[in-house]
N, C-alpha and C. Protein backbone atom coordinates (compact mmCIF):
# COMPACT_ATOMS: atom_id res chain seq x y z
N MET A 1 -5.74 -20.42 -15.44
CA MET A 1 -7.09 -19.91 -15.60
C MET A 1 -7.02 -18.64 -16.45
N ALA A 2 -7.71 -18.66 -17.55
CA ALA A 2 -7.72 -17.50 -18.44
C ALA A 2 -8.79 -16.50 -17.99
N ILE A 3 -8.37 -15.26 -17.91
CA ILE A 3 -9.28 -14.18 -17.50
C ILE A 3 -9.47 -13.27 -18.71
N ARG A 4 -10.69 -12.99 -19.03
CA ARG A 4 -10.96 -12.08 -20.15
C ARG A 4 -10.76 -10.63 -19.68
N LYS A 5 -10.12 -9.84 -20.52
CA LYS A 5 -9.90 -8.43 -20.18
C LYS A 5 -11.23 -7.72 -19.92
N GLU A 6 -12.23 -8.09 -20.69
CA GLU A 6 -13.54 -7.45 -20.53
C GLU A 6 -14.10 -7.66 -19.13
N ASP A 7 -13.86 -8.86 -18.57
CA ASP A 7 -14.32 -9.14 -17.21
C ASP A 7 -13.58 -8.27 -16.18
N LEU A 8 -12.29 -8.09 -16.41
CA LEU A 8 -11.52 -7.21 -15.52
C LEU A 8 -12.03 -5.77 -15.62
N TYR A 9 -12.27 -5.31 -16.84
CA TYR A 9 -12.78 -3.96 -17.03
C TYR A 9 -14.11 -3.76 -16.30
N LYS A 10 -14.99 -4.75 -16.42
CA LYS A 10 -16.31 -4.66 -15.77
C LYS A 10 -16.16 -4.58 -14.25
N MET A 11 -15.26 -5.40 -13.73
CA MET A 11 -15.05 -5.40 -12.29
C MET A 11 -14.54 -4.04 -11.82
N VAL A 12 -13.56 -3.50 -12.52
CA VAL A 12 -13.00 -2.20 -12.14
C VAL A 12 -14.05 -1.11 -12.25
N GLU A 13 -14.84 -1.13 -13.31
CA GLU A 13 -15.87 -0.12 -13.49
C GLU A 13 -16.92 -0.15 -12.39
N SER A 14 -17.12 -1.30 -11.77
CA SER A 14 -18.14 -1.41 -10.73
C SER A 14 -17.65 -0.90 -9.36
N LEU A 15 -16.36 -0.60 -9.25
CA LEU A 15 -15.78 -0.14 -7.98
C LEU A 15 -16.04 1.34 -7.74
N SER A 16 -16.04 1.71 -6.46
CA SER A 16 -16.10 3.13 -6.10
C SER A 16 -14.76 3.77 -6.49
N ALA A 17 -14.73 5.09 -6.54
CA ALA A 17 -13.50 5.80 -6.90
C ALA A 17 -12.36 5.44 -5.95
N GLU A 18 -12.67 5.36 -4.68
CA GLU A 18 -11.65 5.02 -3.67
C GLU A 18 -11.10 3.61 -3.89
N ASP A 19 -12.00 2.67 -4.18
CA ASP A 19 -11.57 1.29 -4.41
C ASP A 19 -10.84 1.14 -5.74
N LYS A 20 -11.17 1.98 -6.72
CA LYS A 20 -10.43 1.96 -7.99
C LYS A 20 -8.98 2.32 -7.73
N LYS A 21 -8.75 3.28 -6.84
CA LYS A 21 -7.38 3.68 -6.50
C LYS A 21 -6.64 2.52 -5.86
N ALA A 22 -7.29 1.80 -4.96
CA ALA A 22 -6.66 0.64 -4.31
C ALA A 22 -6.38 -0.45 -5.34
N ALA A 23 -7.32 -0.68 -6.25
CA ALA A 23 -7.13 -1.69 -7.31
C ALA A 23 -5.96 -1.29 -8.20
N PHE A 24 -5.89 -0.01 -8.55
CA PHE A 24 -4.79 0.48 -9.38
C PHE A 24 -3.45 0.26 -8.68
N ASP A 25 -3.38 0.64 -7.41
CA ASP A 25 -2.14 0.47 -6.65
C ASP A 25 -1.72 -1.00 -6.61
N PHE A 26 -2.68 -1.89 -6.40
CA PHE A 26 -2.35 -3.31 -6.33
C PHE A 26 -1.90 -3.84 -7.69
N MET A 27 -2.58 -3.42 -8.75
CA MET A 27 -2.19 -3.87 -10.09
C MET A 27 -0.81 -3.34 -10.45
N GLU A 28 -0.52 -2.11 -10.05
CA GLU A 28 0.80 -1.55 -10.28
C GLU A 28 1.86 -2.38 -9.57
N PHE A 29 1.57 -2.79 -8.33
CA PHE A 29 2.47 -3.66 -7.58
C PHE A 29 2.68 -4.98 -8.31
N LEU A 30 1.60 -5.59 -8.81
CA LEU A 30 1.71 -6.86 -9.51
C LEU A 30 2.55 -6.74 -10.78
N VAL A 31 2.36 -5.66 -11.51
CA VAL A 31 3.15 -5.45 -12.73
C VAL A 31 4.63 -5.34 -12.39
N GLU A 32 4.95 -4.55 -11.38
CA GLU A 32 6.35 -4.39 -10.99
C GLU A 32 6.93 -5.70 -10.48
N ARG A 33 6.13 -6.44 -9.72
CA ARG A 33 6.60 -7.73 -9.19
C ARG A 33 6.86 -8.71 -10.32
N SER A 34 6.02 -8.67 -11.37
CA SER A 34 6.20 -9.60 -12.48
C SER A 34 7.48 -9.31 -13.25
N LYS A 35 8.00 -8.09 -13.12
CA LYS A 35 9.25 -7.72 -13.78
C LYS A 35 10.45 -8.04 -12.89
N ASN A 36 10.18 -8.63 -11.72
CA ASN A 36 11.22 -8.95 -10.74
C ASN A 36 12.06 -7.73 -10.37
N LYS A 37 11.39 -6.60 -10.20
CA LYS A 37 12.13 -5.42 -9.76
C LYS A 37 11.40 -4.76 -8.61
N LYS A 38 12.16 -4.04 -7.82
CA LYS A 38 11.59 -3.34 -6.68
C LYS A 38 10.72 -2.19 -7.18
N PRO A 39 9.62 -1.93 -6.48
CA PRO A 39 8.83 -0.74 -6.82
C PRO A 39 9.70 0.51 -6.70
N GLU A 40 9.41 1.51 -7.52
CA GLU A 40 10.20 2.74 -7.54
C GLU A 40 10.28 3.38 -6.15
N SER A 41 9.18 3.34 -5.42
CA SER A 41 9.18 3.95 -4.08
C SER A 41 10.17 3.23 -3.16
N TRP A 42 10.32 1.92 -3.32
CA TRP A 42 11.30 1.18 -2.50
C TRP A 42 12.71 1.54 -2.90
N GLN A 43 12.95 1.75 -4.20
CA GLN A 43 14.28 2.13 -4.65
C GLN A 43 14.66 3.48 -4.06
N LYS A 44 13.69 4.41 -3.99
CA LYS A 44 13.97 5.72 -3.41
C LYS A 44 14.33 5.59 -1.94
N ILE A 45 13.67 4.70 -1.24
CA ILE A 45 13.97 4.48 0.17
C ILE A 45 15.39 3.93 0.32
N ASP A 46 15.77 3.00 -0.56
CA ASP A 46 17.12 2.43 -0.52
C ASP A 46 18.20 3.49 -0.73
N GLU A 47 17.87 4.54 -1.47
CA GLU A 47 18.84 5.59 -1.78
C GLU A 47 18.99 6.61 -0.65
N LEU A 48 18.07 6.61 0.30
CA LEU A 48 18.13 7.57 1.40
C LEU A 48 19.30 7.26 2.33
N GLU A 49 19.78 8.29 2.97
CA GLU A 49 20.84 8.11 3.95
C GLU A 49 20.29 7.38 5.18
N SER A 50 21.11 6.57 5.77
CA SER A 50 20.70 5.78 6.93
C SER A 50 20.29 6.66 8.10
N ASP A 51 19.25 6.24 8.80
CA ASP A 51 18.79 6.92 10.00
C ASP A 51 19.35 6.15 11.19
N ASN A 52 20.29 6.74 11.88
CA ASN A 52 20.93 6.06 13.01
C ASN A 52 20.36 6.48 14.35
N ASP A 53 19.27 7.25 14.32
CA ASP A 53 18.65 7.66 15.58
C ASP A 53 18.04 6.45 16.26
N PRO A 54 18.22 6.33 17.58
CA PRO A 54 17.59 5.22 18.28
C PRO A 54 16.06 5.38 18.26
N LEU A 55 15.37 4.26 18.35
CA LEU A 55 13.91 4.28 18.38
C LEU A 55 13.43 4.96 19.66
N THR A 56 12.34 5.70 19.52
CA THR A 56 11.74 6.32 20.70
C THR A 56 11.00 5.25 21.50
N GLU A 57 10.61 5.61 22.70
CA GLU A 57 9.85 4.69 23.54
C GLU A 57 8.54 4.30 22.86
N GLU A 58 7.88 5.29 22.23
CA GLU A 58 6.62 5.03 21.52
C GLU A 58 6.84 4.09 20.33
N GLU A 59 7.92 4.29 19.58
CA GLU A 59 8.22 3.42 18.44
C GLU A 59 8.50 1.99 18.89
N LEU A 60 9.23 1.85 19.99
CA LEU A 60 9.49 0.50 20.52
C LEU A 60 8.19 -0.17 20.95
N LYS A 61 7.31 0.60 21.58
CA LYS A 61 6.01 0.07 22.02
C LYS A 61 5.20 -0.40 20.81
N GLN A 62 5.19 0.40 19.74
CA GLN A 62 4.47 0.02 18.52
C GLN A 62 5.07 -1.22 17.88
N LEU A 63 6.40 -1.26 17.85
CA LEU A 63 7.10 -2.39 17.24
C LEU A 63 6.80 -3.70 17.96
N GLU A 64 6.68 -3.64 19.26
CA GLU A 64 6.45 -4.84 20.06
C GLU A 64 4.97 -5.17 20.23
N SER A 65 4.10 -4.33 19.70
CA SER A 65 2.65 -4.53 19.84
C SER A 65 2.18 -5.78 19.11
N LYS A 66 1.25 -6.48 19.72
CA LYS A 66 0.65 -7.66 19.10
C LYS A 66 -0.52 -7.27 18.18
N ASP A 67 -0.86 -5.97 18.16
CA ASP A 67 -1.98 -5.49 17.34
C ASP A 67 -1.65 -5.44 15.86
N GLY A 68 -0.39 -5.45 15.49
CA GLY A 68 -0.01 -5.40 14.09
C GLY A 68 0.07 -3.98 13.57
N TYR A 69 0.33 -3.88 12.29
CA TYR A 69 0.52 -2.58 11.64
C TYR A 69 -0.72 -2.22 10.84
N PHE A 70 -1.11 -0.96 10.89
CA PHE A 70 -2.28 -0.45 10.17
C PHE A 70 -1.82 0.79 9.42
N SER A 71 -1.79 0.76 8.10
CA SER A 71 -1.35 1.93 7.34
C SER A 71 -2.41 3.02 7.34
N GLY A 72 -2.00 4.23 6.99
CA GLY A 72 -2.95 5.33 6.89
C GLY A 72 -4.02 5.05 5.86
N GLU A 73 -3.63 4.45 4.72
CA GLU A 73 -4.60 4.09 3.68
C GLU A 73 -5.61 3.06 4.20
N ASP A 74 -5.10 2.07 4.96
CA ASP A 74 -6.00 1.06 5.53
C ASP A 74 -7.00 1.70 6.49
N ALA A 75 -6.50 2.61 7.33
CA ALA A 75 -7.37 3.28 8.30
C ALA A 75 -8.42 4.13 7.59
N LYS A 76 -7.97 4.82 6.55
CA LYS A 76 -8.89 5.68 5.80
C LYS A 76 -10.01 4.84 5.19
N ARG A 77 -9.64 3.73 4.58
CA ARG A 77 -10.63 2.85 3.95
C ARG A 77 -11.52 2.18 5.00
N GLU A 78 -10.90 1.66 6.05
CA GLU A 78 -11.63 0.93 7.09
C GLU A 78 -12.67 1.80 7.79
N PHE A 79 -12.29 3.04 8.09
CA PHE A 79 -13.16 3.89 8.88
C PHE A 79 -13.86 4.99 8.07
N GLY A 80 -13.67 4.93 6.74
CA GLY A 80 -14.33 5.91 5.87
C GLY A 80 -13.89 7.34 6.12
N LEU A 81 -12.62 7.51 6.46
CA LEU A 81 -12.10 8.85 6.76
C LEU A 81 -11.96 9.67 5.48
N GLN A 82 -12.10 10.97 5.62
CA GLN A 82 -12.02 11.88 4.47
C GLN A 82 -10.70 12.65 4.44
N VAL A 83 -9.75 12.24 5.26
CA VAL A 83 -8.45 12.92 5.31
C VAL A 83 -7.37 11.97 4.83
N ASP A 84 -6.26 12.52 4.35
CA ASP A 84 -5.12 11.69 3.96
C ASP A 84 -4.24 11.46 5.18
N LEU A 85 -3.94 10.20 5.42
CA LEU A 85 -3.09 9.84 6.56
C LEU A 85 -1.77 9.30 6.05
N PRO A 86 -0.70 9.44 6.83
CA PRO A 86 0.60 8.90 6.39
C PRO A 86 0.59 7.39 6.38
């Protein structure tokens, strides 16, 4: 399916500033994925020294939760928060 660049531009222009950031982040991910390489942020994580500390009780509880994972960005967008969350 051929997509015209103009249509993409129109779609992006119609987004709120917050949604433009999310669209940019996703497009950046797609570009990196198309190059078959890890995103730079993942490479930085791979370079970090291993954390051998055992998980806390709270971390284990979160890990075993059936509620799933909710990122700070997701929470900010979902609840219209005005603060930056991790």
